[in-house]
Structures are given as C-alpha cells and as structure tokens.
Amino acid sequence: MPTTDAAPPPGAAAPAPPGFWRRALQHRSFVIGAALTVLLLLAAGVSYVWTPWSPYEMDIANKLQGPNERHWLGTDVFGRDVASQLLVGARASILVGIIAVGIGLIAGTALGLLASARRGWVEEGIMRLTDFSLAFPAILSAIMLTAVFGPGIVNAIIAIGIYNIPTFARIARASANAVWSREYVAAARAAGKGQLAITLQHVLPNISAILIVQSTIRFAIAILAEAALSFLGLGTQPPQPSWGRMLAEAQTMMWQAPLLAVFPGMAIVLAVLGLNLLGDGLRDLLDPRLARKR
C-alpha cells in the first residue's frame, strides 16, 4: 500500500513548494536577478584579493584616458584606474546594504510583531512612531546626522537603516495580523502558550518569506540611497572609492570624458535591477498561491 508524506505540524513554516529549484531555474526574473546579484558579490569579493591597478594611486600624466589594453575602462581626472575603482566601490554598496537592511529588518520586524501581538495602545503608538519616521527620508536624515556628527559612511548607514525600520514594521505587522487570525494560533492559545511563544513558533516562521523578499528590495533601495548620499558628499569619503562619488567627480567632465559617468552609472543600474528582479522572482516562487498556479 503506497504511503503518503506526513503533513507538517499546524503553524509550522510552509516548506519550499515541490520543485522549487526547477521552477526557479525556469523563472526569467529570478535567474537574471540572481546572476546580476552574484556578479555584484563577486566584484566586491575579487577586489579584496586583486584589482588591475591600485584604486588610490594617482597618475596625472595619464588622466582621462579612454579604455585601452592597460586601463580596461580608462582613467579618471586624477589618472586613477576606473575598473579598479568600480570593483572596490562595490564593497561600500554591499556594506551599506547589508548593515542598513539588517537594522531595518531586525528593529522593524520586532516592532511589527510587538504591535500585532499586543494590539491596543501599543500597536497605535508603534504605528504613529513609524508614521513620524517616514516623514524623514534617508537623505534628509543623513543631512541632519552629518550636520551634527560630520559626513561619513557610518552616518549614511544609520540614516538608511532608520529609514528601513518603519517599512519592515508595517509589513511585519500586517502579515502577522493575518497569522494571528488562523485556527492553529487559536489552538496554541487554548493550549496555554503565551504571546512570545506563539510569535516565535508560529507567527515569525510564517511571515519569513515575505520578509526575505522585502529585504532584497530594500537592499536595492539602500544601494541607490548610498550612491545618492555619496554623490552629495555625505556618504563614503575619499580616498575610499564609491560609485556615487565617481558620478559626482565625472559630472564636470561630461563633454571631455562621458564614459566616466557611464561606467559607475551602469554599475548602479545593474546592481539595483538585479536585486529588484531577484525580489520579484522570490515573491513569485515563495507565494504558495502562485506556486499552486504554476
């Protein structure tokens, strides 16, 4: 007599749908997004062990060169190798993305889960706090921080991280509210489990897929915000390379050397596009309703 797989216990996080990786490899957005994201990570990783030239070494005699056999993407206004700067600049983007999104994910999810579990004045207070936070975008927050503490990548990370908190809080609260209304949560309450145990054992596992998808999207926004802050002189400071600062330095040379703006601009576009496509692909693959339709 054939046997069937045992059903998962009530409230357990749903496993990946059958054939997840087979469907993932057939999902165009996921494949393209994953490839571009891996390329970004490889660029940052390779820069720790090898770059064509030193990204900090100036060579005024060879400034504003176009792509050639010695400098694959040419040199900037100070004679620095553009390819080396792009590779090292990927580090700042990834560093800001990981830490800033981590701040938003941890703090925002905790606030959202607390609001969903306690309700009442606790939920109202947390939601009004997130409304207040959303009134201060990342760039404005960074300007306020740098006015007090000075410009730098640390202040940029803090500003972008604070900007991510209300977004994750709202998503976690809305998703958790749906889980709290499920039958297995009512059964857990009847069994005597407290709010903390239910949140950790039932609510959080069931909203993790949504948080993962949102993290990839916020990662892309963090990279874009870091580039904007560096462009304004508020993010990564010299001599550390940054894609945003490369754009700022290239804006005065648009007629003499337009490629100086094209290369860092394309790096930002591809990084943001890859993470957005990866997030869209994960959303389609991890959503049980869409998985059943495919």
C-alpha atoms as a PDB file:
ATOM      1  CA  MET A   1       0.000   0.000   0.000  1.00  0.00           C
ATOM      2  CA  PRO A   2       1.546   3.345  -1.022  1.00  0.00           C
ATOM      3  CA  THR A   3       2.481   5.737   1.739  1.00  0.00           C
ATOM      4  CA  THR A   4       1.969   9.463   1.819  1.00  0.00           C
ATOM      5  CA  ASP A   5       4.212  12.153   3.257  1.00  0.00           C
ATOM      6  CA  ALA A   6       3.303  13.250   6.763  1.00  0.00           C
ATOM      7  CA  ALA A   7       1.645  16.637   6.948  1.00  0.00           C
ATOM      8  CA  PRO A   8       3.614  19.427   8.622  1.00  0.00           C
ATOM      9  CA  PRO A   9       2.516  20.288  12.165  1.00  0.00           C
ATOM     10  CA  PRO A  10      -0.005  23.133  12.475  1.00  0.00           C
ATOM     11  CA  GLY A  11       1.599  26.536  12.463  1.00  0.00           C
ATOM     12  CA  ALA A  12       4.939  25.318  11.123  1.00  0.00           C
ATOM     13  CA  ALA A  13       6.537  27.381   8.388  1.00  0.00           C
ATOM     14  CA  ALA A  14       5.488  26.170   4.980  1.00  0.00           C
ATOM     15  CA  PRO A  15       8.339  24.315   3.226  1.00  0.00           C
ATOM     16  CA  ALA A  16       9.512  25.345  -0.202  1.00  0.00           C
ATOM     17  CA  PRO A  17       6.972  24.214  -2.802  1.00  0.00           C
ATOM     18  CA  PRO A  18       7.834  20.964  -4.612  1.00  0.00           C
ATOM     19  CA  GLY A  19      10.249  21.506  -7.480  1.00  0.00           C
ATOM     20  CA  PHE A  20      11.327  24.906  -6.149  1.00  0.00           C
ATOM     21  CA  TRP A  21      14.746  24.952  -7.794  1.00  0.00           C
ATOM     22  CA  ARG A  22      13.402  23.509 -11.045  1.00  0.00           C
ATOM     23  CA  ARG A  23      10.825  26.299 -11.194  1.00  0.00           C
ATOM     24  CA  ALA A  24      13.413  28.853 -10.083  1.00  0.00           C
ATOM     25  CA  LEU A  25      15.697  27.989 -12.996  1.00  0.00           C
ATOM     26  CA  GLN A  26      12.735  28.458 -15.343  1.00  0.00           C
ATOM     27  CA  HIS A  27      11.771  31.817 -13.847  1.00  0.00           C
ATOM     28  CA  ARG A  28      13.365  34.503 -16.007  1.00  0.00           C
ATOM     29  CA  SER A  29      13.296  37.305 -13.421  1.00  0.00           C
ATOM     30  CA  PHE A  30      14.828  35.103 -10.739  1.00  0.00           C
ATOM     31  CA  VAL A  31      17.610  33.811 -12.999  1.00  0.00           C
ATOM     32  CA  ILE A  32      18.575  37.258 -14.318  1.00  0.00           C
ATOM     33  CA  GLY A  33      18.331  38.847 -10.871  1.00  0.00           C
ATOM     34  CA  ALA A  34      20.375  36.079  -9.236  1.00  0.00           C
ATOM     35  CA  ALA A  35      23.060  36.337 -11.943  1.00  0.00           C
ATOM     36  CA  LEU A  36      23.398  40.107 -11.557  1.00  0.00           C
ATOM     37  CA  THR A  37      23.447  39.834  -7.754  1.00  0.00           C
ATOM     38  CA  VAL A  38      26.143  37.147  -7.848  1.00  0.00           C
ATOM     39  CA  LEU A  39      28.124  39.373 -10.230  1.00  0.00           C
ATOM     40  CA  LEU A  40      27.905  42.226  -7.687  1.00  0.00           C
ATOM     41  CA  LEU A  41      29.086  39.971  -4.866  1.00  0.00           C
ATOM     42  CA  LEU A  42      31.917  38.584  -6.992  1.00  0.00           C
ATOM     43  CA  ALA A  43      33.091  42.088  -7.895  1.00  0.00           C
ATOM     44  CA  ALA A  44      33.297  43.042  -4.227  1.00  0.00           C
ATOM     45  CA  GLY A  45      34.920  39.745  -3.248  1.00  0.00           C
ATOM     46  CA  VAL A  46      37.545  39.852  -6.010  1.00  0.00           C
ATOM     47  CA  SER A  47      38.508  43.416  -5.052  1.00  0.00           C
ATOM     48  CA  TYR A  48      39.821  42.159  -1.694  1.00  0.00           C
ATOM     49  CA  VAL A  49      42.445  39.979  -3.385  1.00  0.00           C
ATOM     50  CA  TRP A  50      43.025  41.588  -6.787  1.00  0.00           C
ATOM     51  CA  THR A  51      42.440  44.764  -8.783  1.00  0.00           C
ATOM     52  CA  PRO A  52      44.036  45.691 -12.151  1.00  0.00           C
ATOM     53  CA  TRP A  53      45.643  48.758 -10.544  1.00  0.00           C
ATOM     54  CA  SER A  54      45.573  50.445  -7.174  1.00  0.00           C
ATOM     55  CA  PRO A  55      42.276  52.353  -6.918  1.00  0.00           C
ATOM     56  CA  TYR A  56      44.034  55.028  -4.856  1.00  0.00           C
ATOM     57  CA  GLU A  57      47.138  55.611  -6.987  1.00  0.00           C
ATOM     58  CA  MET A  58      47.075  58.865  -8.971  1.00  0.00           C
ATOM     59  CA  ASP A  59      48.809  59.247 -12.341  1.00  0.00           C
ATOM     60  CA  ILE A  60      48.130  62.765 -13.590  1.00  0.00           C
ATOM     61  CA  ALA A  61      50.217  62.201 -16.731  1.00  0.00           C
ATOM     62  CA  ASN A  62      47.722  59.528 -17.867  1.00  0.00           C
ATOM     63  CA  LYS A  63      44.478  61.155 -16.757  1.00  0.00           C
ATOM     64  CA  LEU A  64      41.221  60.963 -18.752  1.00  0.00           C
ATOM     65  CA  GLN A  65      42.367  58.060 -20.898  1.00  0.00           C
ATOM     66  CA  GLY A  66      39.752  56.021 -22.713  1.00  0.00           C
ATOM     67  CA  PRO A  67      39.546  52.225 -22.433  1.00  0.00           C
ATOM     68  CA  ASN A  68      42.799  50.608 -23.549  1.00  0.00           C
ATOM     69  CA  GLU A  69      44.909  47.496 -23.000  1.00  0.00           C
ATOM     70  CA  ARG A  70      46.477  48.913 -19.816  1.00  0.00           C
ATOM     71  CA  HIS A  71      43.369  50.505 -18.288  1.00  0.00           C
ATOM     72  CA  TRP A  72      40.371  48.459 -19.395  1.00  0.00           C
ATOM     73  CA  LEU A  73      37.810  51.170 -18.592  1.00  0.00           C
ATOM     74  CA  GLY A  74      40.169  54.131 -18.815  1.00  0.00           C
ATOM     75  CA  THR A  75      41.314  56.558 -16.124  1.00  0.00           C
ATOM     76  CA  ASP A  76      39.611  59.406 -14.280  1.00  0.00           C
ATOM     77  CA  VAL A  77      40.550  63.064 -13.859  1.00  0.00           C
ATOM     78  CA  PHE A  78      43.316  62.098 -11.391  1.00  0.00           C
ATOM     79  CA  GLY A  79      44.653  59.230 -13.504  1.00  0.00           C
ATOM     80  CA  ARG A  80      43.161  56.511 -11.269  1.00  0.00           C
ATOM     81  CA  ASP A  81      42.055  53.261 -12.883  1.00  0.00           C
ATOM     82  CA  VAL A  82      38.270  53.266 -13.349  1.00  0.00           C
ATOM     83  CA  ALA A  83      37.887  49.464 -13.373  1.00  0.00           C
ATOM     84  CA  SER A  84      39.702  49.162 -10.044  1.00  0.00           C
ATOM     85  CA  GLN A  85      37.537  51.882  -8.533  1.00  0.00           C
ATOM     86  CA  LEU A  86      34.369  50.126  -9.684  1.00  0.00           C
ATOM     87  CA  LEU A  87      35.461  46.842  -8.112  1.00  0.00           C
ATOM     88  CA  VAL A  88      36.377  48.432  -4.776  1.00  0.00           C
ATOM     89  CA  GLY A  89      33.293  50.690  -4.878  1.00  0.00           C
ATOM     90  CA  ALA A  90      31.097  47.576  -4.841  1.00  0.00           C
ATOM     91  CA  ARG A  91      32.277  46.956  -1.271  1.00  0.00           C
ATOM     92  CA  ALA A  92      30.695  50.163   0.028  1.00  0.00           C
ATOM     93  CA  SER A  93      27.403  49.379  -1.692  1.00  0.00           C
ATOM     94  CA  ILE A  94      27.228  45.884  -0.223  1.00  0.00           C
ATOM     95  CA  LEU A  95      28.374  47.021   3.226  1.00  0.00           C
ATOM     96  CA  VAL A  96      25.739  49.742   3.396  1.00  0.00           C
ATOM     97  CA  GLY A  97      23.062  47.420   2.029  1.00  0.00           C
ATOM     98  CA  ILE A  98      23.719  44.570   4.452  1.00  0.00           C
ATOM     99  CA  ILE A  99      24.003  46.674   7.615  1.00  0.00           C
ATOM    100  CA  ALA A 100      21.238  49.168   6.787  1.00  0.00           C
ATOM    101  CA  VAL A 101      18.786  46.446   5.751  1.00  0.00           C
ATOM    102  CA  GLY A 102      19.813  44.404   8.791  1.00  0.00           C
ATOM    103  CA  ILE A 103      18.991  47.333  11.069  1.00  0.00           C
ATOM    104  CA  GLY A 104      15.612  47.797   9.420  1.00  0.00           C
ATOM    105  CA  LEU A 105      14.828  44.072   9.340  1.00  0.00           C
ATOM    106  CA  ILE A 106      15.661  43.362  12.991  1.00  0.00           C
ATOM    107  CA  ALA A 107      14.250  46.509  14.571  1.00  0.00           C
ATOM    108  CA  GLY A 108      11.287  46.870  12.202  1.00  0.00           C
ATOM    109  CA  THR A 109      10.232  43.225  12.440  1.00  0.00           C
ATOM    110  CA  ALA A 110      10.456  43.305  16.229  1.00  0.00           C
ATOM    111  CA  LEU A 111       8.265  46.417  16.386  1.00  0.00           C
ATOM    112  CA  GLY A 112       5.767  44.977  13.894  1.00  0.00           C
ATOM    113  CA  LEU A 113       5.473  41.687  15.773  1.00  0.00           C
ATOM    114  CA  LEU A 114       5.067  43.541  19.087  1.00  0.00           C
ATOM    115  CA  ALA A 115       2.317  45.719  17.643  1.00  0.00           C
ATOM    116  CA  SER A 116       0.492  42.694  16.230  1.00  0.00           C
ATOM    117  CA  ALA A 117       0.779  40.677  19.439  1.00  0.00           C
ATOM    118  CA  ARG A 118      -0.209  43.372  21.945  1.00  0.00           C
ATOM    119  CA  ARG A 119      -2.675  45.475  19.913  1.00  0.00           C
ATOM    120  CA  GLY A 120      -4.409  48.384  21.647  1.00  0.00           C
ATOM    121  CA  TRP A 121      -2.352  51.412  22.643  1.00  0.00           C
ATOM    122  CA  VAL A 122       0.929  49.559  21.987  1.00  0.00           C
ATOM    123  CA  GLU A 123       0.010  48.973  18.350  1.00  0.00           C
ATOM    124  CA  GLU A 124      -1.281  52.529  17.971  1.00  0.00           C
ATOM    125  CA  GLY A 125       1.884  54.009  19.477  1.00  0.00           C
ATOM    126  CA  ILE A 126       4.197  51.946  17.250  1.00  0.00           C
ATOM    127  CA  MET A 127       2.249  52.794  14.101  1.00  0.00           C
ATOM    128  CA  ARG A 128       2.298  56.516  14.879  1.00  0.00           C
ATOM    129  CA  LEU A 129       6.041  56.255  15.511  1.00  0.00           C
ATOM    130  CA  THR A 130       6.525  54.682  12.074  1.00  0.00           C
ATOM    131  CA  ASP A 131       4.427  57.464  10.527  1.00  0.00           C
ATOM    132  CA  PHE A 132       6.707  60.017  12.169  1.00  0.00           C
ATOM    133  CA  SER A 133       9.821  58.186  10.904  1.00  0.00           C
ATOM    134  CA  LEU A 134       8.518  58.119   7.339  1.00  0.00           C
ATOM    135  CA  ALA A 135       8.380  61.917   7.411  1.00  0.00           C
ATOM    136  CA  PHE A 136      12.204  61.933   7.363  1.00  0.00           C
ATOM    137  CA  PRO A 137      13.572  60.272   4.195  1.00  0.00           C
ATOM    138  CA  ALA A 138      17.047  58.731   4.136  1.00  0.00           C
ATOM    139  CA  ILE A 139      18.755  61.694   2.506  1.00  0.00           C
ATOM    140  CA  LEU A 140      17.145  64.216   4.886  1.00  0.00           C
ATOM    141  CA  SER A 141      18.072  62.035   7.872  1.00  0.00           C
ATOM    142  CA  ALA A 142      21.653  61.824   6.613  1.00  0.00           C
ATOM    143  CA  ILE A 143      21.835  65.591   6.213  1.00  0.00           C
ATOM    144  CA  MET A 144      20.676  66.041   9.810  1.00  0.00           C
ATOM    145  CA  LEU A 145      23.145  63.440  11.105  1.00  0.00           C
ATOM    146  CA  THR A 146      26.088  64.857   9.159  1.00  0.00           C
ATOM    147  CA  ALA A 147      25.248  68.349  10.384  1.00  0.00           C
ATOM    148  CA  VAL A 148      25.871  67.072  13.914  1.00  0.00           C
ATOM    149  CA  PHE A 149      28.462  64.302  13.503  1.00  0.00           C
ATOM    150  CA  GLY A 150      30.031  65.076  10.116  1.00  0.00           C
ATOM    151  CA  PRO A 151      29.777  63.185   6.812  1.00  0.00           C
ATOM    152  CA  GLY A 152      30.770  59.534   6.583  1.00  0.00           C
ATOM    153  CA  ILE A 153      29.632  56.057   5.660  1.00  0.00           C
ATOM    154  CA  VAL A 154      28.636  55.206   9.252  1.00  0.00           C
ATOM    155  CA  ASN A 155      26.143  58.070   9.414  1.00  0.00           C
ATOM    156  CA  ALA A 156      24.829  57.108   5.977  1.00  0.00           C
ATOM    157  CA  ILE A 157      24.268  53.532   7.167  1.00  0.00           C
ATOM    158  CA  ILE A 158      22.446  54.745  10.289  1.00  0.00           C
ATOM    159  CA  ALA A 159      20.239  57.090   8.256  1.00  0.00           C
ATOM    160  CA  ILE A 160      19.303  54.423   5.683  1.00  0.00           C
ATOM    161  CA  GLY A 161      18.776  51.840   8.436  1.00  0.00           C
ATOM    162  CA  ILE A 162      16.396  54.156  10.316  1.00  0.00           C
ATOM    163  CA  TYR A 163      14.533  54.772   7.063  1.00  0.00           C
ATOM    164  CA  ASN A 164      14.045  50.989   6.633  1.00  0.00           C
ATOM    165  CA  ILE A 165      12.603  50.399  10.111  1.00  0.00           C
ATOM    166  CA  PRO A 166       9.054  51.731   9.519  1.00  0.00           C
ATOM    167  CA  THR A 167       8.760  49.816   6.244  1.00  0.00           C
ATOM    168  CA  PHE A 168       9.609  46.476   7.852  1.00  0.00           C
ATOM    169  CA  ALA A 169       7.439  47.312  10.883  1.00  0.00           C
ATOM    170  CA  ARG A 170       4.369  47.906   8.727  1.00  0.00           C
ATOM    171  CA  ILE A 171       4.923  44.778   6.624  1.00  0.00           C
ATOM    172  CA  ALA A 172       5.587  42.581   9.677  1.00  0.00           C
ATOM    173  CA  ARG A 173       2.510  43.912  11.485  1.00  0.00           C
ATOM    174  CA  ALA A 174       0.173  43.421   8.516  1.00  0.00           C
ATOM    175  CA  SER A 175       1.479  39.914   7.811  1.00  0.00           C
ATOM    176  CA  ALA A 176       1.424  38.936  11.486  1.00  0.00           C
ATOM    177  CA  ASN A 177      -2.164  40.140  11.904  1.00  0.00           C
ATOM    178  CA  ALA A 178      -3.224  37.658   9.217  1.00  0.00           C
ATOM    179  CA  VAL A 179      -1.415  34.816  11.005  1.00  0.00           C
ATOM    180  CA  TRP A 180      -2.906  35.684  14.407  1.00  0.00           C
ATOM    181  CA  SER A 181      -6.377  35.056  12.984  1.00  0.00           C
ATOM    182  CA  ARG A 182      -5.553  31.477  11.943  1.00  0.00           C
ATOM    183  CA  GLU A 183      -7.003  28.412  13.642  1.00  0.00           C
ATOM    184  CA  TYR A 184      -3.654  26.961  14.709  1.00  0.00           C
ATOM    185  CA  VAL A 185      -2.874  30.155  16.634  1.00  0.00           C
ATOM    186  CA  ALA A 186      -6.207  29.843  18.445  1.00  0.00           C
ATOM    187  CA  ALA A 187      -5.304  26.230  19.228  1.00  0.00           C
ATOM    188  CA  ALA A 188      -1.924  27.324  20.574  1.00  0.00           C
ATOM    189  CA  ARG A 189      -3.646  29.867  22.818  1.00  0.00           C
ATOM    190  CA  ALA A 190      -6.013  27.207  24.060  1.00  0.00           C
ATOM    191  CA  ALA A 191      -3.005  25.000  24.845  1.00  0.00           C
ATOM    192  CA  GLY A 192      -1.707  27.714  27.164  1.00  0.00           C
ATOM    193  CA  LYS A 193       1.074  29.194  25.047  1.00  0.00           C
ATOM    194  CA  GLY A 194       1.955  32.816  25.676  1.00  0.00           C
ATOM    195  CA  GLN A 195       2.229  35.610  23.160  1.00  0.00           C
ATOM    196  CA  LEU A 196       6.012  35.361  22.922  1.00  0.00           C
ATOM    197  CA  ALA A 197       5.960  31.613  22.268  1.00  0.00           C
ATOM    198  CA  ILE A 198       3.239  31.952  19.643  1.00  0.00           C
ATOM    199  CA  THR A 199       5.095  34.800  17.958  1.00  0.00           C
ATOM    200  CA  LEU A 200       8.372  32.874  17.758  1.00  0.00           C
ATOM    201  CA  GLN A 201       6.953  29.433  16.951  1.00  0.00           C
ATOM    202  CA  HIS A 202       4.029  30.275  14.676  1.00  0.00           C
ATOM    203  CA  VAL A 203       3.911  33.896  13.536  1.00  0.00           C
ATOM    204  CA  LEU A 204       7.536  34.654  12.644  1.00  0.00           C
ATOM    205  CA  PRO A 205       8.170  31.450  10.637  1.00  0.00           C
ATOM    206  CA  ASN A 206       5.047  32.060   8.569  1.00  0.00           C
ATOM    207  CA  ILE A 207       5.974  35.632   7.596  1.00  0.00           C
ATOM    208  CA  SER A 208       9.668  34.935   6.959  1.00  0.00           C
ATOM    209  CA  ALA A 209       9.196  34.528   3.194  1.00  0.00           C
ATOM    210  CA  ILE A 210       7.600  37.968   2.951  1.00  0.00           C
ATOM    211  CA  LEU A 211      10.441  39.498   4.954  1.00  0.00           C
ATOM    212  CA  ILE A 212      13.074  37.829   2.765  1.00  0.00           C
ATOM    213  CA  VAL A 213      11.501  39.213  -0.400  1.00  0.00           C
ATOM    214  CA  GLN A 214      11.223  42.683   1.130  1.00  0.00           C
ATOM    215  CA  SER A 215      14.865  42.541   2.239  1.00  0.00           C
ATOM    216  CA  THR A 216      16.091  42.090  -1.335  1.00  0.00           C
ATOM    217  CA  ILE A 217      14.021  45.059  -2.487  1.00  0.00           C
ATOM    218  CA  ARG A 218      15.211  47.255   0.380  1.00  0.00           C
ATOM    219  CA  PHE A 219      18.787  46.181  -0.365  1.00  0.00           C
ATOM    220  CA  ALA A 220      18.424  47.676  -3.838  1.00  0.00           C
ATOM    221  CA  ILE A 221      16.998  50.892  -2.382  1.00  0.00           C
ATOM    222  CA  ALA A 222      19.880  51.051   0.123  1.00  0.00           C
ATOM    223  CA  ILE A 223      22.447  50.824  -2.697  1.00  0.00           C
ATOM    224  CA  LEU A 224      20.678  53.614  -4.551  1.00  0.00           C
ATOM    225  CA  ALA A 225      20.487  55.740  -1.388  1.00  0.00           C
ATOM    226  CA  GLU A 226      24.191  55.219  -0.635  1.00  0.00           C
ATOM    227  CA  ALA A 227      25.084  56.307  -4.165  1.00  0.00           C
ATOM    228  CA  ALA A 228      22.902  59.413  -3.799  1.00  0.00           C
ATOM    229  CA  LEU A 229      24.436  60.316  -0.441  1.00  0.00           C
ATOM    230  CA  SER A 230      27.971  59.805  -1.751  1.00  0.00           C
ATOM    231  CA  PHE A 231      27.107  61.935  -4.772  1.00  0.00           C
ATOM    232  CA  LEU A 232      26.155  64.724  -2.372  1.00  0.00           C
ATOM    233  CA  GLY A 233      29.332  64.218  -0.355  1.00  0.00           C
ATOM    234  CA  LEU A 234      27.519  62.767   2.658  1.00  0.00           C
ATOM    235  CA  GLY A 235      28.340  59.082   2.226  1.00  0.00           C
ATOM    236  CA  THR A 236      31.627  57.288   1.573  1.00  0.00           C
ATOM    237  CA  GLN A 237      34.513  59.721   1.950  1.00  0.00           C
ATOM    238  CA  PRO A 238      37.774  59.974  -0.033  1.00  0.00           C
ATOM    239  CA  PRO A 239      40.003  58.171  -0.697  1.00  0.00           C
ATOM    240  CA  GLN A 240      37.643  55.177  -0.451  1.00  0.00           C
ATOM    241  CA  PRO A 241      36.044  54.628  -3.888  1.00  0.00           C
ATOM    242  CA  SER A 242      32.268  54.897  -4.204  1.00  0.00           C
ATOM    243  CA  TRP A 243      30.028  54.670  -7.254  1.00  0.00           C
ATOM    244  CA  GLY A 244      28.089  57.762  -6.209  1.00  0.00           C
ATOM    245  CA  ARG A 245      31.216  59.852  -5.712  1.00  0.00           C
ATOM    246  CA  MET A 246      32.580  58.634  -9.068  1.00  0.00           C
ATOM    247  CA  LEU A 247      29.445  60.095 -10.651  1.00  0.00           C
ATOM    248  CA  ALA A 248      29.934  63.359  -8.764  1.00  0.00           C
ATOM    249  CA  GLU A 249      33.531  63.636  -9.964  1.00  0.00           C
ATOM    250  CA  ALA A 250      32.506  62.816 -13.542  1.00  0.00           C
ATOM    251  CA  GLN A 251      29.783  65.452 -13.833  1.00  0.00           C
ATOM    252  CA  THR A 252      32.306  68.212 -14.619  1.00  0.00           C
ATOM    253  CA  MET A 253      33.898  66.062 -17.354  1.00  0.00           C
ATOM    254  CA  MET A 254      30.786  65.040 -19.267  1.00  0.00           C
ATOM    255  CA  TRP A 255      31.966  66.611 -22.533  1.00  0.00           C
ATOM    256  CA  GLN A 256      35.620  65.575 -22.312  1.00  0.00           C
ATOM    257  CA  ALA A 257      35.114  62.027 -20.949  1.00  0.00           C
ATOM    258  CA  PRO A 258      31.434  60.945 -20.858  1.00  0.00           C
ATOM    259  CA  LEU A 259      32.390  57.324 -20.107  1.00  0.00           C
ATOM    260  CA  LEU A 260      33.443  58.377 -16.606  1.00  0.00           C
ATOM    261  CA  ALA A 261      29.739  58.774 -15.786  1.00  0.00           C
ATOM    262  CA  VAL A 262      28.554  55.828 -17.885  1.00  0.00           C
ATOM    263  CA  PHE A 263      30.519  53.108 -16.078  1.00  0.00           C
ATOM    264  CA  PRO A 264      29.523  53.877 -12.442  1.00  0.00           C
ATOM    265  CA  GLY A 265      26.002  54.703 -13.610  1.00  0.00           C
ATOM    266  CA  MET A 266      25.701  51.304 -15.298  1.00  0.00           C
ATOM    267  CA  ALA A 267      27.108  49.596 -12.186  1.00  0.00           C
ATOM    268  CA  ILE A 268      24.378  51.180 -10.038  1.00  0.00           C
ATOM    269  CA  VAL A 269      21.667  50.348 -12.587  1.00  0.00           C
ATOM    270  CA  LEU A 270      22.708  46.696 -12.899  1.00  0.00           C
ATOM    271  CA  ALA A 271      23.021  46.225  -9.120  1.00  0.00           C
ATOM    272  CA  VAL A 272      19.608  47.753  -8.406  1.00  0.00           C
ATOM    273  CA  LEU A 273      17.987  45.962 -11.355  1.00  0.00           C
ATOM    274  CA  GLY A 274      19.430  42.615 -10.287  1.00  0.00           C
ATOM    275  CA  LEU A 275      18.185  42.887  -6.707  1.00  0.00           C
ATOM    276  CA  ASN A 276      14.733  44.055  -7.804  1.00  0.00           C
ATOM    277  CA  LEU A 277      14.416  41.176 -10.274  1.00  0.00           C
ATOM    278  CA  LEU A 278      15.634  38.757  -7.601  1.00  0.00           C
ATOM    279  CA  GLY A 279      12.996  40.076  -5.204  1.00  0.00           C
ATOM    280  CA  ASP A 280      10.251  39.768  -7.809  1.00  0.00           C
ATOM    281  CA  GLY A 281      11.338  36.219  -8.591  1.00  0.00           C
ATOM    282  CA  LEU A 282      11.419  35.199  -4.943  1.00  0.00           C
ATOM    283  CA  ARG A 283       7.967  36.709  -4.414  1.00  0.00           C
ATOM    284  CA  ASP A 284       6.543  34.585  -7.227  1.00  0.00           C
ATOM    285  CA  LEU A 285       8.348  31.429  -6.128  1.00  0.00           C
ATOM    286  CA  LEU A 286       7.654  31.676  -2.399  1.00  0.00           C
ATOM    287  CA  ASP A 287       3.999  32.717  -2.634  1.00  0.00           C
ATOM    288  CA  PRO A 288       2.027  29.468  -2.110  1.00  0.00           C
ATOM    289  CA  ARG A 289      -0.891  30.763  -4.193  1.00  0.00           C
ATOM    290  CA  LEU A 290       1.312  31.489  -7.178  1.00  0.00           C
ATOM    291  CA  ALA A 291       3.192  28.230  -6.652  1.00  0.00           C
ATOM    292  CA  ARG A 292      -0.049  26.264  -6.945  1.00  0.00           C
ATOM    293  CA  LYS A 293      -0.939  28.038 -10.185  1.00  0.00           C
ATOM    294  CA  ARG A 294       2.391  27.231 -11.831  1.00  0.00           C
END
